[in-house]
N, C-alpha and C. Protein backbone atom coordinates (compact mmCIF):
# COMPACT_ATOMS: atom_id res chain seq x y z
N MET A 1 -60.63 246.94 -42.34
CA MET A 1 -61.24 247.43 -43.55
C MET A 1 -61.45 246.25 -44.50
N PHE A 2 -62.61 246.20 -45.10
CA PHE A 2 -62.91 245.10 -46.00
C PHE A 2 -62.77 245.56 -47.44
N LEU A 3 -62.44 244.59 -48.28
CA LEU A 3 -62.35 244.88 -49.70
C LEU A 3 -63.73 244.77 -50.31
N SER A 4 -64.03 245.67 -51.18
CA SER A 4 -65.34 245.73 -51.80
C SER A 4 -65.21 245.54 -53.31
N VAL A 5 -66.11 244.75 -53.86
CA VAL A 5 -66.13 244.56 -55.30
C VAL A 5 -66.69 245.80 -55.98
N PHE A 6 -67.73 246.36 -55.38
CA PHE A 6 -68.38 247.55 -55.93
C PHE A 6 -67.95 248.79 -55.15
N ASP A 7 -68.03 249.91 -55.80
CA ASP A 7 -67.74 251.19 -55.16
C ASP A 7 -68.82 251.48 -54.11
N PRO A 8 -68.45 251.87 -52.89
CA PRO A 8 -69.46 252.12 -51.84
C PRO A 8 -70.46 253.21 -52.21
N ARG A 9 -70.10 254.09 -53.12
CA ARG A 9 -71.04 255.13 -53.53
C ARG A 9 -72.25 254.56 -54.26
N ILE A 10 -72.07 253.39 -54.87
CA ILE A 10 -73.20 252.74 -55.55
C ILE A 10 -74.29 252.40 -54.54
N PHE A 11 -73.88 251.97 -53.36
CA PHE A 11 -74.85 251.61 -52.34
C PHE A 11 -75.57 252.83 -51.79
N VAL A 12 -74.87 253.94 -51.70
CA VAL A 12 -75.52 255.18 -51.23
C VAL A 12 -76.53 255.66 -52.25
N ILE A 13 -76.15 255.65 -53.51
CA ILE A 13 -77.06 256.08 -54.58
C ILE A 13 -78.26 255.16 -54.67
N SER A 14 -78.01 253.85 -54.59
CA SER A 14 -79.13 252.91 -54.66
C SER A 14 -80.05 253.05 -53.46
N ARG A 15 -79.49 253.37 -52.29
CA ARG A 15 -80.31 253.58 -51.10
C ARG A 15 -81.25 254.77 -51.29
N ILE A 16 -80.75 255.84 -51.88
CA ILE A 16 -81.58 257.03 -52.09
C ILE A 16 -82.67 256.76 -53.13
N ILE A 17 -82.29 256.16 -54.24
CA ILE A 17 -83.27 255.89 -55.30
C ILE A 17 -84.33 254.90 -54.83
N LEU A 18 -83.88 253.81 -54.21
CA LEU A 18 -84.83 252.80 -53.72
C LEU A 18 -85.74 253.36 -52.63
N PHE A 19 -85.25 254.30 -51.83
CA PHE A 19 -86.09 254.90 -50.79
C PHE A 19 -87.30 255.59 -51.39
N PHE A 20 -87.08 256.42 -52.40
CA PHE A 20 -88.20 257.14 -53.00
C PHE A 20 -89.15 256.21 -53.73
N VAL A 21 -88.62 255.19 -54.38
CA VAL A 21 -89.48 254.22 -55.05
C VAL A 21 -90.30 253.44 -54.04
N ALA A 22 -89.66 253.01 -52.96
CA ALA A 22 -90.36 252.23 -51.93
C ALA A 22 -91.44 253.06 -51.25
N VAL A 23 -91.16 254.32 -50.97
CA VAL A 23 -92.15 255.18 -50.31
C VAL A 23 -93.39 255.33 -51.19
N VAL A 24 -93.20 255.50 -52.48
CA VAL A 24 -94.35 255.64 -53.38
C VAL A 24 -95.18 254.38 -53.39
N PHE A 25 -94.52 253.21 -53.51
CA PHE A 25 -95.27 251.96 -53.54
C PHE A 25 -95.97 251.67 -52.22
N ILE A 26 -95.29 251.93 -51.12
CA ILE A 26 -95.91 251.70 -49.81
C ILE A 26 -97.07 252.65 -49.59
N PHE A 27 -96.92 253.91 -49.99
CA PHE A 27 -98.00 254.88 -49.85
C PHE A 27 -99.24 254.44 -50.63
N ARG A 28 -99.03 253.99 -51.84
CA ARG A 28 -100.17 253.53 -52.66
C ARG A 28 -100.80 252.27 -52.08
N ALA A 29 -99.98 251.38 -51.56
CA ALA A 29 -100.50 250.15 -50.97
C ALA A 29 -101.28 250.44 -49.68
N MET A 30 -100.83 251.43 -48.93
CA MET A 30 -101.52 251.76 -47.68
C MET A 30 -102.86 252.43 -47.91
N GLN A 31 -103.07 252.99 -49.06
CA GLN A 31 -104.35 253.63 -49.34
C GLN A 31 -105.47 252.61 -49.43
N ALA A 32 -105.13 251.33 -49.50
CA ALA A 32 -106.15 250.28 -49.51
C ALA A 32 -106.68 250.03 -48.10
N ILE A 33 -105.96 250.52 -47.08
CA ILE A 33 -106.41 250.34 -45.70
C ILE A 33 -107.43 251.43 -45.38
N ASP A 34 -108.52 251.04 -44.74
CA ASP A 34 -109.60 251.98 -44.42
C ASP A 34 -109.45 252.47 -42.99
N PHE A 35 -108.90 253.69 -42.84
CA PHE A 35 -108.77 254.30 -41.52
C PHE A 35 -109.95 255.20 -41.18
N SER A 36 -110.92 255.30 -42.07
CA SER A 36 -112.03 256.22 -41.83
C SER A 36 -112.89 255.80 -40.63
N LYS A 37 -112.83 254.54 -40.27
CA LYS A 37 -113.60 254.09 -39.10
C LYS A 37 -112.96 254.53 -37.80
N ILE A 38 -111.65 254.77 -37.82
CA ILE A 38 -110.94 255.18 -36.61
C ILE A 38 -111.02 256.69 -36.42
N PHE A 39 -110.92 257.46 -37.51
CA PHE A 39 -110.91 258.91 -37.44
C PHE A 39 -112.32 259.48 -37.58
N ARG A 40 -112.43 260.73 -37.20
CA ARG A 40 -113.72 261.42 -37.36
C ARG A 40 -113.96 261.77 -38.83
N LYS A 41 -115.20 262.13 -39.13
CA LYS A 41 -115.52 262.53 -40.50
C LYS A 41 -114.75 263.80 -40.86
N ASN A 42 -114.50 263.96 -42.14
CA ASN A 42 -113.78 265.12 -42.69
C ASN A 42 -112.36 265.25 -42.12
N SER A 43 -111.71 264.14 -41.87
CA SER A 43 -110.32 264.19 -41.39
C SER A 43 -109.39 263.55 -42.42
N GLY A 44 -109.64 263.84 -43.67
CA GLY A 44 -108.84 263.28 -44.75
C GLY A 44 -107.40 263.71 -44.71
N GLU A 45 -107.14 264.95 -44.30
CA GLU A 45 -105.76 265.44 -44.22
C GLU A 45 -104.96 264.69 -43.16
N GLN A 46 -105.58 264.40 -42.03
CA GLN A 46 -104.89 263.67 -40.97
C GLN A 46 -104.58 262.23 -41.41
N ILE A 47 -105.51 261.62 -42.12
CA ILE A 47 -105.30 260.26 -42.61
C ILE A 47 -104.18 260.25 -43.65
N ARG A 48 -104.17 261.22 -44.53
CA ARG A 48 -103.13 261.32 -45.55
C ARG A 48 -101.76 261.55 -44.90
N PHE A 49 -101.72 262.38 -43.86
CA PHE A 49 -100.47 262.63 -43.14
C PHE A 49 -99.98 261.35 -42.46
N LEU A 50 -100.91 260.60 -41.89
CA LEU A 50 -100.56 259.32 -41.27
C LEU A 50 -100.01 258.36 -42.31
N TYR A 51 -100.63 258.30 -43.48
CA TYR A 51 -100.12 257.47 -44.57
C TYR A 51 -98.69 257.85 -44.94
N MET A 52 -98.43 259.15 -45.07
CA MET A 52 -97.10 259.61 -45.46
C MET A 52 -96.05 259.26 -44.43
N VAL A 53 -96.36 259.49 -43.16
CA VAL A 53 -95.39 259.20 -42.09
C VAL A 53 -95.08 257.71 -42.04
N ILE A 54 -96.12 256.87 -42.07
CA ILE A 54 -95.90 255.43 -42.01
C ILE A 54 -95.18 254.94 -43.26
N ALA A 55 -95.51 255.50 -44.42
CA ALA A 55 -94.84 255.10 -45.67
C ALA A 55 -93.36 255.46 -45.64
N ILE A 56 -93.01 256.61 -45.10
CA ILE A 56 -91.61 257.01 -45.00
C ILE A 56 -90.85 256.09 -44.04
N ILE A 57 -91.46 255.78 -42.90
CA ILE A 57 -90.80 254.90 -41.94
C ILE A 57 -90.62 253.50 -42.51
N LEU A 58 -91.67 252.93 -43.07
CA LEU A 58 -91.58 251.59 -43.64
C LEU A 58 -90.65 251.56 -44.86
N GLY A 59 -90.68 252.61 -45.66
CA GLY A 59 -89.78 252.69 -46.81
C GLY A 59 -88.33 252.71 -46.39
N TYR A 60 -88.02 253.47 -45.36
CA TYR A 60 -86.64 253.51 -44.86
C TYR A 60 -86.21 252.15 -44.33
N LEU A 61 -87.07 251.51 -43.53
CA LEU A 61 -86.72 250.20 -42.98
C LEU A 61 -86.53 249.15 -44.07
N PHE A 62 -87.41 249.16 -45.06
CA PHE A 62 -87.32 248.21 -46.17
C PHE A 62 -86.03 248.41 -46.96
N VAL A 63 -85.74 249.63 -47.33
CA VAL A 63 -84.55 249.92 -48.13
C VAL A 63 -83.28 249.66 -47.33
N ASP A 64 -83.30 250.00 -46.06
CA ASP A 64 -82.13 249.75 -45.22
C ASP A 64 -81.84 248.26 -45.13
N ALA A 65 -82.88 247.45 -44.99
CA ALA A 65 -82.69 246.00 -44.93
C ALA A 65 -82.13 245.47 -46.24
N ILE A 66 -82.69 245.90 -47.36
CA ILE A 66 -82.24 245.41 -48.67
C ILE A 66 -80.79 245.82 -48.95
N VAL A 67 -80.47 247.08 -48.73
CA VAL A 67 -79.12 247.56 -49.03
C VAL A 67 -78.11 246.96 -48.05
N SER A 68 -78.49 246.75 -46.81
CA SER A 68 -77.59 246.11 -45.85
C SER A 68 -77.26 244.69 -46.28
N ILE A 69 -78.24 243.98 -46.79
CA ILE A 69 -77.99 242.64 -47.30
C ILE A 69 -77.04 242.70 -48.50
N LEU A 70 -77.25 243.66 -49.40
CA LEU A 70 -76.37 243.80 -50.56
C LEU A 70 -74.94 244.15 -50.15
N VAL A 71 -74.78 245.01 -49.15
CA VAL A 71 -73.45 245.36 -48.67
C VAL A 71 -72.77 244.16 -48.04
N TYR A 72 -73.54 243.39 -47.29
CA TYR A 72 -72.99 242.18 -46.66
C TYR A 72 -72.55 241.16 -47.71
N VAL A 73 -73.37 240.96 -48.73
CA VAL A 73 -73.01 240.03 -49.80
C VAL A 73 -71.78 240.54 -50.55
N ASP A 74 -71.71 241.85 -50.75
CA ASP A 74 -70.54 242.43 -51.41
C ASP A 74 -69.29 242.22 -50.59
N SER A 75 -69.38 242.29 -49.28
CA SER A 75 -68.21 242.09 -48.44
C SER A 75 -67.76 240.64 -48.42
N LEU A 76 -68.67 239.72 -48.72
CA LEU A 76 -68.32 238.31 -48.77
C LEU A 76 -67.57 237.94 -50.05
N LEU A 77 -67.81 238.73 -51.11
CA LEU A 77 -67.20 238.41 -52.41
C LEU A 77 -65.72 238.75 -52.43
């Protein structure tokens, strides 16, 4: 068991908050990508669903990497 400077609950709370913030930013950034050439006409719902799924996956990976680094640095202190 390692000693922690910060309470581990802080990392759980920050992971949840950062996840929702990251998903919003990634979703907005992905809207700059033009998928209309790949999909058929009038398939806006499918493109939006694809944006949401990819934004959730990338948001989770991004936040997991950031919080894991913070936990590692905390364990070093």
